[in-house]
Amino acid sequence: MKMEVIKELGTEELAERLEEERKQLVRLKLNHAVSPLENPNTIKEYRRTIARMMTELRRREIEANKKN
């Protein structure tokens, strides 16, 4: 997921998507442990997407604190 798409999401929706991405990453890791994935780079892509989402949530949290 690109950063532009992440920025367009609302905070609650972003938090929900983050949770879903984390669950999917766990599933991918388990599947990869049982039998190798066709493309193991998808694990790396999910990790990076999760990091982007967490960064955006943190940025919004900091902005909210600055306003108060």
Protein backbone atom coordinates (compact mmCIF):
# COMPACT_ATOMS: atom_id res chain seq x y z
CA MET A 1 0.00 0.00 0.00
CA LYS A 2 1.38 3.35 -1.01
CA MET A 3 1.80 6.24 1.41
CA GLU A 4 -0.65 8.37 -0.60
CA VAL A 5 -3.38 5.78 -0.03
CA ILE A 6 -2.54 5.51 3.67
CA LYS A 7 -2.79 9.28 4.14
CA GLU A 8 -6.27 9.32 2.60
CA LEU A 9 -7.64 6.86 5.17
CA GLY A 10 -9.32 8.05 8.33
CA THR A 11 -7.62 7.34 11.65
CA GLU A 12 -10.07 4.66 12.75
CA GLU A 13 -10.04 2.99 9.35
CA LEU A 14 -6.25 3.10 9.33
CA ALA A 15 -6.10 1.40 12.73
CA GLU A 16 -8.48 -1.32 11.51
CA ARG A 17 -6.47 -1.89 8.34
CA LEU A 18 -3.27 -2.04 10.41
CA GLU A 19 -4.72 -4.83 12.53
CA GLU A 20 -5.80 -6.75 9.42
CA GLU A 21 -2.36 -6.36 7.87
CA ARG A 22 -0.73 -7.68 11.04
CA LYS A 23 -3.02 -10.73 11.02
CA GLN A 24 -2.23 -11.38 7.37
CA LEU A 25 1.51 -11.13 8.07
CA VAL A 26 1.22 -13.75 10.81
CA ARG A 27 -0.68 -16.04 8.42
CA LEU A 28 1.96 -15.58 5.74
CA LYS A 29 4.77 -16.37 8.17
CA LEU A 30 3.02 -19.53 9.35
CA ASN A 31 2.34 -20.67 5.80
CA HIS A 32 5.94 -19.98 4.86
CA ALA A 33 7.18 -22.05 7.81
CA VAL A 34 5.04 -25.02 6.71
CA SER A 35 5.74 -24.80 3.00
CA PRO A 36 7.76 -22.14 1.18
CA LEU A 37 5.79 -19.33 -0.39
CA GLU A 38 5.95 -18.84 -4.12
CA ASN A 39 7.13 -15.27 -3.54
CA PRO A 40 8.65 -14.77 -0.05
CA ASN A 41 9.10 -11.05 -0.78
CA THR A 42 5.42 -10.59 0.07
CA ILE A 43 6.40 -10.94 3.74
CA LYS A 44 8.76 -7.99 3.35
CA GLU A 45 6.06 -5.97 1.59
CA TYR A 46 3.59 -6.58 4.43
CA ARG A 47 6.20 -5.55 7.02
CA ARG A 48 6.86 -2.33 5.16
CA THR A 49 3.17 -1.56 4.77
CA ILE A 50 2.66 -2.09 8.51
CA ALA A 51 5.57 0.24 9.23
CA ARG A 52 4.10 2.91 6.95
CA MET A 53 0.74 2.65 8.69
CA MET A 54 2.30 2.88 12.13
CA THR A 55 4.34 5.91 11.04
CA GLU A 56 1.21 7.69 9.78
CA LEU A 57 -0.71 6.92 12.99
CA ARG A 58 2.18 8.25 15.08
CA ARG A 59 2.40 11.40 12.93
CA ARG A 60 -1.31 12.05 13.47
CA GLU A 61 -0.93 11.48 17.20
CA ILE A 62 1.90 14.00 17.40
CA GLU A 63 -0.05 16.57 15.39
CA ALA A 64 -3.05 16.14 17.69
CA ASN A 65 -0.86 16.71 20.75
CA LYS A 66 0.67 19.85 19.26
CA LYS A 67 -2.78 21.37 18.77
CA ASN A 68 -3.68 20.86 22.44
